[in-house]
């Protein structure tokens, strides 16, 4: 990460408590039924293992532009789960004066690694507070086998991840003062972006799903109130076009606001520059759509 992103700077008064925080307790509460913890989710683990079998987690910063604005990034705790602090990556524009809309970023199946931190910095550079959460308890994977194991632990105990997501949202709204919040994730994180929308209901304003597991189950989608942006590849063998179209039809049936885009010829993880399926054209278009969607749904300051 460039030195300028690590530089310690004076921060706005409302952030001074955040950066000095030693503990932010997680919150419980009633929730909708997210799309995780099912046999379908377990099958998705195997599908992701097949899709990423030849991939590595090596960062590829040469394919990622720097943030448009200078940003400040901090590793800090945002939750306490099972008596353990959970640390995420918190990023905000260096020139921020008042609270901004926030994005809750959910990592792909490799974990909260340098690639996710870089993408979080890019998002913050567009004028947002960003919190990249960690659903793997501080672990990251450097091989498909290790990633499969980490993803499986979350699928088998989804309530822990749900508590994590709720705590992250509470941190962004109650502690960071964000007036609006979106979730955004890729692959494993894309599925959890949808889960967050079901879990948080009307507390979440928007959700961006990059080639994540989706559902056509009306009961699982009824709690969703966030507007949805879904970005998928037509050649994705793990997240089939049929499943995406069924998801789209369910959103239509339930009158849920959404935008679904399927890129011809693009495979799974087409926006991940570290993977073998990286498609620069599709990734650039998806990024432009993401920024336009966030600007419209979160109304950030200029």
C-alpha atoms as a PDB file:
ATOM      1  CA  UNK A   1       0.000   0.000   0.000  1.00  0.00           C
ATOM      2  CA  UNK A   2       1.409   3.432  -0.919  1.00  0.00           C
ATOM      3  CA  UNK A   3       2.949   5.431   1.897  1.00  0.00           C
ATOM      4  CA  UNK A   4       0.433   8.231   1.485  1.00  0.00           C
ATOM      5  CA  UNK A   5      -2.364   5.855   2.465  1.00  0.00           C
ATOM      6  CA  UNK A   6      -0.571   4.964   5.686  1.00  0.00           C
ATOM      7  CA  UNK A   7       0.219   8.520   6.655  1.00  0.00           C
ATOM      8  CA  UNK A   8      -1.177   9.629  10.016  1.00  0.00           C
ATOM      9  CA  UNK A   9      -3.172  12.800   9.561  1.00  0.00           C
ATOM     10  CA  UNK A  10      -5.350  14.957  11.757  1.00  0.00           C
ATOM     11  CA  UNK A  11      -8.848  13.524  11.543  1.00  0.00           C
ATOM     12  CA  UNK A  12     -12.245  15.145  11.971  1.00  0.00           C
ATOM     13  CA  UNK A  13     -13.489  15.336  15.544  1.00  0.00           C
ATOM     14  CA  UNK A  14     -16.280  12.850  14.931  1.00  0.00           C
ATOM     15  CA  UNK A  15     -13.682  10.251  13.870  1.00  0.00           C
ATOM     16  CA  UNK A  16     -11.287  10.685  16.771  1.00  0.00           C
ATOM     17  CA  UNK A  17     -13.239   8.223  18.892  1.00  0.00           C
ATOM     18  CA  UNK A  18     -13.279   5.656  16.101  1.00  0.00           C
ATOM     19  CA  UNK A  19      -9.549   5.573  15.551  1.00  0.00           C
ATOM     20  CA  UNK A  20      -8.959   5.312  19.303  1.00  0.00           C
ATOM     21  CA  UNK A  21     -11.555   2.573  19.752  1.00  0.00           C
ATOM     22  CA  UNK A  22     -10.553  -0.534  21.606  1.00  0.00           C
ATOM     23  CA  UNK A  23     -13.931  -2.216  21.597  1.00  0.00           C
ATOM     24  CA  UNK A  24     -17.147  -2.037  19.659  1.00  0.00           C
ATOM     25  CA  UNK A  25     -19.676  -4.579  20.864  1.00  0.00           C
ATOM     26  CA  UNK A  26     -21.746  -6.572  18.384  1.00  0.00           C
ATOM     27  CA  UNK A  27     -25.536  -6.362  18.442  1.00  0.00           C
ATOM     28  CA  UNK A  28     -28.155  -9.063  18.220  1.00  0.00           C
ATOM     29  CA  UNK A  29     -31.751  -8.640  17.212  1.00  0.00           C
ATOM     30  CA  UNK A  30     -34.414  -9.993  14.932  1.00  0.00           C
ATOM     31  CA  UNK A  31     -33.498 -10.512  11.310  1.00  0.00           C
ATOM     32  CA  UNK A  32     -34.869 -11.744   8.020  1.00  0.00           C
ATOM     33  CA  UNK A  33     -33.834 -15.102   6.642  1.00  0.00           C
ATOM     34  CA  UNK A  34     -30.597 -14.774   4.682  1.00  0.00           C
ATOM     35  CA  UNK A  35     -29.671 -17.098   1.845  1.00  0.00           C
ATOM     36  CA  UNK A  36     -26.889 -18.903   3.727  1.00  0.00           C
ATOM     37  CA  UNK A  37     -26.506 -22.028   5.842  1.00  0.00           C
ATOM     38  CA  UNK A  38     -28.342 -24.348   3.462  1.00  0.00           C
ATOM     39  CA  UNK A  39     -27.411 -27.348   1.339  1.00  0.00           C
ATOM     40  CA  UNK A  40     -27.468 -24.923  -1.574  1.00  0.00           C
ATOM     41  CA  UNK A  41     -24.804 -22.821   0.144  1.00  0.00           C
ATOM     42  CA  UNK A  42     -22.658 -25.902   0.706  1.00  0.00           C
ATOM     43  CA  UNK A  43     -22.959 -26.810  -2.958  1.00  0.00           C
ATOM     44  CA  UNK A  44     -21.854 -23.270  -3.743  1.00  0.00           C
ATOM     45  CA  UNK A  45     -18.611 -23.918  -1.830  1.00  0.00           C
ATOM     46  CA  UNK A  46     -17.862 -26.823  -4.165  1.00  0.00           C
ATOM     47  CA  UNK A  47     -18.783 -24.745  -7.205  1.00  0.00           C
ATOM     48  CA  UNK A  48     -16.416 -21.978  -6.129  1.00  0.00           C
ATOM     49  CA  UNK A  49     -13.662 -24.526  -5.533  1.00  0.00           C
ATOM     50  CA  UNK A  50     -14.056 -25.699  -9.138  1.00  0.00           C
ATOM     51  CA  UNK A  51     -14.149 -22.165 -10.528  1.00  0.00           C
ATOM     52  CA  UNK A  52     -11.019 -21.088  -8.631  1.00  0.00           C
ATOM     53  CA  UNK A  53      -9.076 -24.353  -8.927  1.00  0.00           C
ATOM     54  CA  UNK A  54      -6.304 -22.787 -11.026  1.00  0.00           C
ATOM     55  CA  UNK A  55      -6.334 -19.312  -9.428  1.00  0.00           C
ATOM     56  CA  UNK A  56      -3.965 -17.754  -6.927  1.00  0.00           C
ATOM     57  CA  UNK A  57      -4.485 -14.941  -4.429  1.00  0.00           C
ATOM     58  CA  UNK A  58      -1.417 -12.986  -5.575  1.00  0.00           C
ATOM     59  CA  UNK A  59      -2.227  -9.265  -5.751  1.00  0.00           C
ATOM     60  CA  UNK A  60      -1.942  -7.563  -9.113  1.00  0.00           C
ATOM     61  CA  UNK A  61      -1.819  -3.837  -8.333  1.00  0.00           C
ATOM     62  CA  UNK A  62      -0.688  -2.932 -11.846  1.00  0.00           C
ATOM     63  CA  UNK A  63      -4.229  -3.539 -13.107  1.00  0.00           C
ATOM     64  CA  UNK A  64      -5.870  -1.347 -10.464  1.00  0.00           C
ATOM     65  CA  UNK A  65      -5.808   2.461 -10.662  1.00  0.00           C
ATOM     66  CA  UNK A  66      -5.024   4.455  -7.536  1.00  0.00           C
ATOM     67  CA  UNK A  67      -7.928   6.064  -5.647  1.00  0.00           C
ATOM     68  CA  UNK A  68      -9.218   9.253  -7.274  1.00  0.00           C
ATOM     69  CA  UNK A  69      -8.868  11.080  -3.936  1.00  0.00           C
ATOM     70  CA  UNK A  70      -6.254  10.621  -1.267  1.00  0.00           C
ATOM     71  CA  UNK A  71      -7.510   8.266   1.419  1.00  0.00           C
ATOM     72  CA  UNK A  72      -6.559   7.183   4.921  1.00  0.00           C
ATOM     73  CA  UNK A  73      -6.765   3.505   5.831  1.00  0.00           C
ATOM     74  CA  UNK A  74      -6.728   1.996   9.321  1.00  0.00           C
ATOM     75  CA  UNK A  75      -6.960  -1.530  10.697  1.00  0.00           C
ATOM     76  CA  UNK A  76      -9.310  -1.310  13.655  1.00  0.00           C
ATOM     77  CA  UNK A  77     -11.836  -3.363  15.632  1.00  0.00           C
ATOM     78  CA  UNK A  78     -15.503  -3.033  14.811  1.00  0.00           C
ATOM     79  CA  UNK A  79     -17.003  -5.944  16.744  1.00  0.00           C
ATOM     80  CA  UNK A  80     -16.540  -8.407  19.562  1.00  0.00           C
ATOM     81  CA  UNK A  81     -17.726 -11.942  18.784  1.00  0.00           C
ATOM     82  CA  UNK A  82     -17.237 -14.896  21.137  1.00  0.00           C
ATOM     83  CA  UNK A  83     -15.062 -12.689  23.365  1.00  0.00           C
ATOM     84  CA  UNK A  84     -12.706 -11.919  20.476  1.00  0.00           C
ATOM     85  CA  UNK A  85     -12.216  -8.552  18.801  1.00  0.00           C
ATOM     86  CA  UNK A  86     -12.898  -8.555  15.058  1.00  0.00           C
ATOM     87  CA  UNK A  87     -10.655  -6.285  12.999  1.00  0.00           C
ATOM     88  CA  UNK A  88     -11.520  -4.821   9.631  1.00  0.00           C
ATOM     89  CA  UNK A  89     -10.045  -2.287   7.242  1.00  0.00           C
ATOM     90  CA  UNK A  90     -11.562   1.179   7.665  1.00  0.00           C
ATOM     91  CA  UNK A  91     -10.909   3.754   4.923  1.00  0.00           C
ATOM     92  CA  UNK A  92     -12.115   7.304   4.358  1.00  0.00           C
ATOM     93  CA  UNK A  93     -11.180  10.298   2.165  1.00  0.00           C
ATOM     94  CA  UNK A  94      -8.305  12.270   3.665  1.00  0.00           C
ATOM     95  CA  UNK A  95     -10.220  15.519   3.182  1.00  0.00           C
ATOM     96  CA  UNK A  96     -13.417  14.318   4.870  1.00  0.00           C
ATOM     97  CA  UNK A  97     -14.965  16.824   7.276  1.00  0.00           C
ATOM     98  CA  UNK A  98     -18.456  15.428   7.942  1.00  0.00           C
ATOM     99  CA  UNK A  99     -19.713  11.831   7.942  1.00  0.00           C
ATOM    100  CA  UNK A 100     -20.202  10.361   4.481  1.00  0.00           C
ATOM    101  CA  UNK A 101     -22.355   7.515   3.161  1.00  0.00           C
ATOM    102  CA  UNK A 102     -20.701   4.170   3.811  1.00  0.00           C
ATOM    103  CA  UNK A 103     -19.982   0.918   2.017  1.00  0.00           C
ATOM    104  CA  UNK A 104     -19.752  -2.349   3.908  1.00  0.00           C
ATOM    105  CA  UNK A 105     -17.300  -4.371   1.800  1.00  0.00           C
ATOM    106  CA  UNK A 106     -17.343  -8.170   2.040  1.00  0.00           C
ATOM    107  CA  UNK A 107     -14.282 -10.051   0.839  1.00  0.00           C
ATOM    108  CA  UNK A 108     -14.192 -12.820  -1.736  1.00  0.00           C
ATOM    109  CA  UNK A 109     -13.341 -16.393  -0.780  1.00  0.00           C
ATOM    110  CA  UNK A 110      -9.629 -15.620  -0.266  1.00  0.00           C
ATOM    111  CA  UNK A 111     -10.361 -13.428   2.759  1.00  0.00           C
ATOM    112  CA  UNK A 112      -9.558  -9.828   3.679  1.00  0.00           C
ATOM    113  CA  UNK A 113      -6.328  -9.570   1.690  1.00  0.00           C
ATOM    114  CA  UNK A 114      -4.409  -6.826  -0.115  1.00  0.00           C
ATOM    115  CA  UNK A 115      -6.659  -7.012  -3.159  1.00  0.00           C
ATOM    116  CA  UNK A 116      -9.753  -6.290  -1.060  1.00  0.00           C
ATOM    117  CA  UNK A 117      -7.991  -3.487   0.809  1.00  0.00           C
ATOM    118  CA  UNK A 118      -6.978  -1.937  -2.525  1.00  0.00           C
ATOM    119  CA  UNK A 119     -10.545  -2.091  -3.816  1.00  0.00           C
ATOM    120  CA  UNK A 120     -11.741  -0.553  -0.537  1.00  0.00           C
ATOM    121  CA  UNK A 121      -9.318   2.326  -1.044  1.00  0.00           C
ATOM    122  CA  UNK A 122     -10.647   2.879  -4.561  1.00  0.00           C
ATOM    123  CA  UNK A 123     -14.198   3.024  -3.232  1.00  0.00           C
ATOM    124  CA  UNK A 124     -13.208   5.456  -0.467  1.00  0.00           C
ATOM    125  CA  UNK A 125     -11.557   7.590  -3.133  1.00  0.00           C
ATOM    126  CA  UNK A 126     -14.977   8.052  -4.703  1.00  0.00           C
ATOM    127  CA  UNK A 127     -16.212   9.830  -1.571  1.00  0.00           C
ATOM    128  CA  UNK A 128     -17.319   7.109   0.842  1.00  0.00           C
ATOM    129  CA  UNK A 129     -16.528   5.741   4.251  1.00  0.00           C
ATOM    130  CA  UNK A 130     -15.617   2.090   3.700  1.00  0.00           C
ATOM    131  CA  UNK A 131     -15.384  -0.785   6.165  1.00  0.00           C
ATOM    132  CA  UNK A 132     -14.021  -4.040   4.753  1.00  0.00           C
ATOM    133  CA  UNK A 133     -15.202  -6.727   7.153  1.00  0.00           C
ATOM    134  CA  UNK A 134     -13.437  -9.959   8.041  1.00  0.00           C
ATOM    135  CA  UNK A 135     -15.605 -13.090   8.119  1.00  0.00           C
ATOM    136  CA  UNK A 136     -12.587 -15.410   8.459  1.00  0.00           C
ATOM    137  CA  UNK A 137     -11.357 -14.412  11.905  1.00  0.00           C
ATOM    138  CA  UNK A 138      -8.104 -12.839  10.744  1.00  0.00           C
ATOM    139  CA  UNK A 139      -7.196 -15.658   8.352  1.00  0.00           C
ATOM    140  CA  UNK A 140      -6.583 -15.418   4.619  1.00  0.00           C
ATOM    141  CA  UNK A 141      -6.021 -18.140   2.045  1.00  0.00           C
ATOM    142  CA  UNK A 142      -3.201 -18.443  -0.462  1.00  0.00           C
ATOM    143  CA  UNK A 143      -4.479 -21.595  -2.184  1.00  0.00           C
ATOM    144  CA  UNK A 144      -7.899 -22.784  -3.403  1.00  0.00           C
ATOM    145  CA  UNK A 145      -7.867 -25.594  -0.844  1.00  0.00           C
ATOM    146  CA  UNK A 146      -7.327 -23.223   2.064  1.00  0.00           C
ATOM    147  CA  UNK A 147      -9.991 -20.854   0.729  1.00  0.00           C
ATOM    148  CA  UNK A 148     -12.452 -23.727   0.451  1.00  0.00           C
ATOM    149  CA  UNK A 149     -11.875 -24.606   4.120  1.00  0.00           C
ATOM    150  CA  UNK A 150     -12.365 -21.015   5.268  1.00  0.00           C
ATOM    151  CA  UNK A 151     -15.524 -20.560   3.212  1.00  0.00           C
ATOM    152  CA  UNK A 152     -16.889 -23.843   4.572  1.00  0.00           C
ATOM    153  CA  UNK A 153     -16.457 -22.673   8.180  1.00  0.00           C
ATOM    154  CA  UNK A 154     -18.716 -19.680   7.464  1.00  0.00           C
ATOM    155  CA  UNK A 155     -21.320 -21.753   5.622  1.00  0.00           C
ATOM    156  CA  UNK A 156     -21.478 -24.212   8.520  1.00  0.00           C
ATOM    157  CA  UNK A 157     -21.868 -21.452  11.143  1.00  0.00           C
ATOM    158  CA  UNK A 158     -23.679 -18.605   9.379  1.00  0.00           C
ATOM    159  CA  UNK A 159     -24.982 -17.042  12.604  1.00  0.00           C
ATOM    160  CA  UNK A 160     -21.447 -15.944  13.484  1.00  0.00           C
ATOM    161  CA  UNK A 161     -21.115 -14.191  10.128  1.00  0.00           C
ATOM    162  CA  UNK A 162     -24.559 -12.648  10.567  1.00  0.00           C
ATOM    163  CA  UNK A 163     -23.510 -11.186  13.927  1.00  0.00           C
ATOM    164  CA  UNK A 164     -20.348  -9.899  12.264  1.00  0.00           C
ATOM    165  CA  UNK A 165     -22.304  -8.164   9.485  1.00  0.00           C
ATOM    166  CA  UNK A 166     -24.796  -6.617  11.884  1.00  0.00           C
ATOM    167  CA  UNK A 167     -21.974  -5.326  14.096  1.00  0.00           C
ATOM    168  CA  UNK A 168     -20.243  -3.820  11.059  1.00  0.00           C
ATOM    169  CA  UNK A 169     -23.430  -2.032  10.036  1.00  0.00           C
ATOM    170  CA  UNK A 170     -23.935  -0.726  13.572  1.00  0.00           C
ATOM    171  CA  UNK A 171     -20.342   0.513  13.594  1.00  0.00           C
ATOM    172  CA  UNK A 172     -20.858   2.438  10.354  1.00  0.00           C
ATOM    173  CA  UNK A 173     -24.125   4.043  11.438  1.00  0.00           C
ATOM    174  CA  UNK A 174     -23.784   4.514  15.206  1.00  0.00           C
ATOM    175  CA  UNK A 175     -20.037   5.093  15.499  1.00  0.00           C
ATOM    176  CA  UNK A 176     -18.993   6.501  12.106  1.00  0.00           C
ATOM    177  CA  UNK A 177     -22.276   8.362  11.647  1.00  0.00           C
ATOM    178  CA  UNK A 178     -22.914   7.249   8.069  1.00  0.00           C
ATOM    179  CA  UNK A 179     -26.281   8.598   6.855  1.00  0.00           C
ATOM    180  CA  UNK A 180     -26.703   5.716   4.383  1.00  0.00           C
ATOM    181  CA  UNK A 181     -25.046   2.314   3.910  1.00  0.00           C
ATOM    182  CA  UNK A 182     -24.580  -0.104   1.016  1.00  0.00           C
ATOM    183  CA  UNK A 183     -23.108  -3.587   1.029  1.00  0.00           C
ATOM    184  CA  UNK A 184     -20.761  -4.751  -1.725  1.00  0.00           C
ATOM    185  CA  UNK A 185     -19.014  -8.051  -2.241  1.00  0.00           C
ATOM    186  CA  UNK A 186     -17.414 -10.351  -4.780  1.00  0.00           C
ATOM    187  CA  UNK A 187     -17.878 -14.128  -5.148  1.00  0.00           C
ATOM    188  CA  UNK A 188     -18.340 -15.423  -1.564  1.00  0.00           C
ATOM    189  CA  UNK A 189     -18.749 -11.783  -0.537  1.00  0.00           C
ATOM    190  CA  UNK A 190     -21.298 -11.203  -3.284  1.00  0.00           C
ATOM    191  CA  UNK A 191     -23.519 -13.877  -1.792  1.00  0.00           C
ATOM    192  CA  UNK A 192     -23.050 -12.293   1.619  1.00  0.00           C
ATOM    193  CA  UNK A 193     -23.949  -8.891   0.213  1.00  0.00           C
ATOM    194  CA  UNK A 194     -27.360 -10.366  -0.592  1.00  0.00           C
ATOM    195  CA  UNK A 195     -27.449 -12.039   2.826  1.00  0.00           C
ATOM    196  CA  UNK A 196     -26.742  -8.647   4.418  1.00  0.00           C
ATOM    197  CA  UNK A 197     -29.695  -7.154   2.552  1.00  0.00           C
ATOM    198  CA  UNK A 198     -31.979  -9.880   3.944  1.00  0.00           C
ATOM    199  CA  UNK A 199     -30.468  -9.648   7.413  1.00  0.00           C
ATOM    200  CA  UNK A 200     -30.652  -5.863   7.724  1.00  0.00           C
ATOM    201  CA  UNK A 201     -33.897  -5.220   5.874  1.00  0.00           C
ATOM    202  CA  UNK A 202     -34.759  -1.542   5.807  1.00  0.00           C
ATOM    203  CA  UNK A 203     -31.526  -0.619   7.587  1.00  0.00           C
ATOM    204  CA  UNK A 204     -29.529  -1.177   4.362  1.00  0.00           C
ATOM    205  CA  UNK A 205     -29.972   1.208   1.441  1.00  0.00           C
ATOM    206  CA  UNK A 206     -28.315  -0.711  -1.394  1.00  0.00           C
ATOM    207  CA  UNK A 207     -26.517  -3.964  -2.150  1.00  0.00           C
ATOM    208  CA  UNK A 208     -24.017  -4.742  -4.912  1.00  0.00           C
ATOM    209  CA  UNK A 209     -23.532  -8.401  -5.821  1.00  0.00           C
ATOM    210  CA  UNK A 210     -20.565  -9.370  -7.972  1.00  0.00           C
ATOM    211  CA  UNK A 211     -21.141 -12.984  -9.156  1.00  0.00           C
ATOM    212  CA  UNK A 212     -22.289 -14.185  -5.741  1.00  0.00           C
ATOM    213  CA  UNK A 213     -24.712 -16.941  -4.824  1.00  0.00           C
ATOM    214  CA  UNK A 214     -28.309 -15.811  -5.250  1.00  0.00           C
ATOM    215  CA  UNK A 215     -31.702 -17.345  -4.553  1.00  0.00           C
ATOM    216  CA  UNK A 216     -35.162 -17.379  -6.086  1.00  0.00           C
ATOM    217  CA  UNK A 217     -36.821 -18.262  -2.784  1.00  0.00           C
ATOM    218  CA  UNK A 218     -39.509 -15.668  -2.109  1.00  0.00           C
ATOM    219  CA  UNK A 219     -39.368 -16.190   1.645  1.00  0.00           C
ATOM    220  CA  UNK A 220     -35.631 -15.473   1.728  1.00  0.00           C
ATOM    221  CA  UNK A 221     -35.998 -12.387  -0.454  1.00  0.00           C
ATOM    222  CA  UNK A 222     -39.058 -10.831   1.203  1.00  0.00           C
ATOM    223  CA  UNK A 223     -37.010  -9.099   3.978  1.00  0.00           C
ATOM    224  CA  UNK A 224     -34.817  -7.361   1.367  1.00  0.00           C
ATOM    225  CA  UNK A 225     -35.545  -3.649   1.090  1.00  0.00           C
ATOM    226  CA  UNK A 226     -32.205  -2.466  -0.287  1.00  0.00           C
ATOM    227  CA  UNK A 227     -32.024  -1.748  -3.999  1.00  0.00           C
ATOM    228  CA  UNK A 228     -30.009  -4.497  -5.723  1.00  0.00           C
ATOM    229  CA  UNK A 229     -27.288  -4.276  -8.372  1.00  0.00           C
ATOM    230  CA  UNK A 230     -26.244  -7.706  -9.645  1.00  0.00           C
ATOM    231  CA  UNK A 231     -23.239  -8.228 -11.932  1.00  0.00           C
ATOM    232  CA  UNK A 232     -22.697 -11.695 -13.400  1.00  0.00           C
ATOM    233  CA  UNK A 233     -20.849 -13.534 -16.153  1.00  0.00           C
ATOM    234  CA  UNK A 234     -22.668 -15.536 -18.809  1.00  0.00           C
ATOM    235  CA  UNK A 235     -19.873 -18.131 -18.836  1.00  0.00           C
ATOM    236  CA  UNK A 236     -19.821 -18.535 -15.032  1.00  0.00           C
ATOM    237  CA  UNK A 237     -20.171 -22.260 -14.298  1.00  0.00           C
ATOM    238  CA  UNK A 238     -20.476 -21.710 -10.545  1.00  0.00           C
ATOM    239  CA  UNK A 239     -23.237 -19.085 -10.618  1.00  0.00           C
ATOM    240  CA  UNK A 240     -25.320 -20.176 -13.600  1.00  0.00           C
ATOM    241  CA  UNK A 241     -27.227 -17.772 -15.818  1.00  0.00           C
ATOM    242  CA  UNK A 242     -30.365 -19.799 -15.089  1.00  0.00           C
ATOM    243  CA  UNK A 243     -29.987 -19.113 -11.357  1.00  0.00           C
ATOM    244  CA  UNK A 244     -29.403 -15.422 -12.034  1.00  0.00           C
ATOM    245  CA  UNK A 245     -32.505 -15.187 -14.227  1.00  0.00           C
ATOM    246  CA  UNK A 246     -34.559 -17.006 -11.600  1.00  0.00           C
ATOM    247  CA  UNK A 247     -33.276 -14.519  -8.995  1.00  0.00           C
ATOM    248  CA  UNK A 248     -34.171 -11.639 -11.294  1.00  0.00           C
ATOM    249  CA  UNK A 249     -37.665 -13.060 -11.833  1.00  0.00           C
ATOM    250  CA  UNK A 250     -38.167 -13.404  -8.080  1.00  0.00           C
ATOM    251  CA  UNK A 251     -37.166  -9.772  -7.533  1.00  0.00           C
ATOM    252  CA  UNK A 252     -39.632  -8.760 -10.247  1.00  0.00           C
ATOM    253  CA  UNK A 253     -42.350 -10.898  -8.669  1.00  0.00           C
ATOM    254  CA  UNK A 254     -41.755  -9.342  -5.251  1.00  0.00           C
ATOM    255  CA  UNK A 255     -41.471  -5.827  -6.699  1.00  0.00           C
ATOM    256  CA  UNK A 256     -37.941  -5.345  -5.358  1.00  0.00           C
ATOM    257  CA  UNK A 257     -35.958  -2.565  -7.085  1.00  0.00           C
ATOM    258  CA  UNK A 258     -32.997  -4.044  -8.947  1.00  0.00           C
ATOM    259  CA  UNK A 259     -30.573  -3.907 -11.856  1.00  0.00           C
ATOM    260  CA  UNK A 260     -29.147  -7.178 -13.181  1.00  0.00           C
ATOM    261  CA  UNK A 261     -26.378  -7.290 -15.775  1.00  0.00           C
ATOM    262  CA  UNK A 262     -24.994 -10.479 -17.331  1.00  0.00           C
ATOM    263  CA  UNK A 263     -21.803 -10.043 -19.374  1.00  0.00           C
ATOM    264  CA  UNK A 264     -21.579 -12.233 -22.494  1.00  0.00           C
ATOM    265  CA  UNK A 265     -18.485 -14.449 -22.505  1.00  0.00           C
ATOM    266  CA  UNK A 266     -17.397 -13.417 -18.993  1.00  0.00           C
ATOM    267  CA  UNK A 267     -16.644 -16.145 -16.479  1.00  0.00           C
ATOM    268  CA  UNK A 268     -16.737 -16.268 -12.712  1.00  0.00           C
ATOM    269  CA  UNK A 269     -14.612 -13.611 -10.963  1.00  0.00           C
ATOM    270  CA  UNK A 270     -14.341 -11.578 -14.175  1.00  0.00           C
ATOM    271  CA  UNK A 271     -13.585  -8.448 -12.106  1.00  0.00           C
ATOM    272  CA  UNK A 272     -10.775 -10.016 -10.064  1.00  0.00           C
ATOM    273  CA  UNK A 273      -7.392  -9.045 -11.583  1.00  0.00           C
ATOM    274  CA  UNK A 274      -5.652 -11.879  -9.710  1.00  0.00           C
ATOM    275  CA  UNK A 275      -7.754 -14.608 -11.339  1.00  0.00           C
ATOM    276  CA  UNK A 276      -7.539 -16.418 -14.662  1.00  0.00           C
ATOM    277  CA  UNK A 277     -11.005 -15.209 -15.697  1.00  0.00           C
ATOM    278  CA  UNK A 278     -10.228 -11.500 -15.418  1.00  0.00           C
ATOM    279  CA  UNK A 279     -12.050  -9.638 -18.205  1.00  0.00           C
ATOM    280  CA  UNK A 280     -10.831  -6.048 -18.360  1.00  0.00           C
ATOM    281  CA  UNK A 281     -13.717  -4.797 -20.499  1.00  0.00           C
ATOM    282  CA  UNK A 282     -16.434  -6.384 -18.385  1.00  0.00           C
ATOM    283  CA  UNK A 283     -14.678  -5.333 -15.172  1.00  0.00           C
ATOM    284  CA  UNK A 284     -14.454  -1.691 -16.319  1.00  0.00           C
ATOM    285  CA  UNK A 285     -18.131  -1.611 -17.280  1.00  0.00           C
ATOM    286  CA  UNK A 286     -19.154  -3.266 -14.002  1.00  0.00           C
ATOM    287  CA  UNK A 287     -17.096  -0.733 -12.027  1.00  0.00           C
ATOM    288  CA  UNK A 288     -18.726   2.186 -13.874  1.00  0.00           C
ATOM    289  CA  UNK A 289     -22.172   0.724 -13.201  1.00  0.00           C
ATOM    290  CA  UNK A 290     -21.257   0.184  -9.550  1.00  0.00           C
ATOM    291  CA  UNK A 291     -20.185   3.794  -9.056  1.00  0.00           C
ATOM    292  CA  UNK A 292     -23.285   5.145 -10.798  1.00  0.00           C
ATOM    293  CA  UNK A 293     -25.518   2.874  -8.704  1.00  0.00           C
ATOM    294  CA  UNK A 294     -23.861   3.882  -5.435  1.00  0.00           C
ATOM    295  CA  UNK A 295     -24.011   7.564  -6.327  1.00  0.00           C
ATOM    296  CA  UNK A 296     -27.731   7.299  -7.018  1.00  0.00           C
ATOM    297  CA  UNK A 297     -28.669   5.142  -4.015  1.00  0.00           C
ATOM    298  CA  UNK A 298     -26.387   6.694  -1.384  1.00  0.00           C
ATOM    299  CA  UNK A 299     -26.303  10.310  -2.626  1.00  0.00           C
ATOM    300  CA  UNK A 300     -22.674  11.039  -1.605  1.00  0.00           C
ATOM    301  CA  UNK A 301     -21.341  14.567  -1.234  1.00  0.00           C
ATOM    302  CA  UNK A 302     -19.553  15.921  -4.282  1.00  0.00           C
END
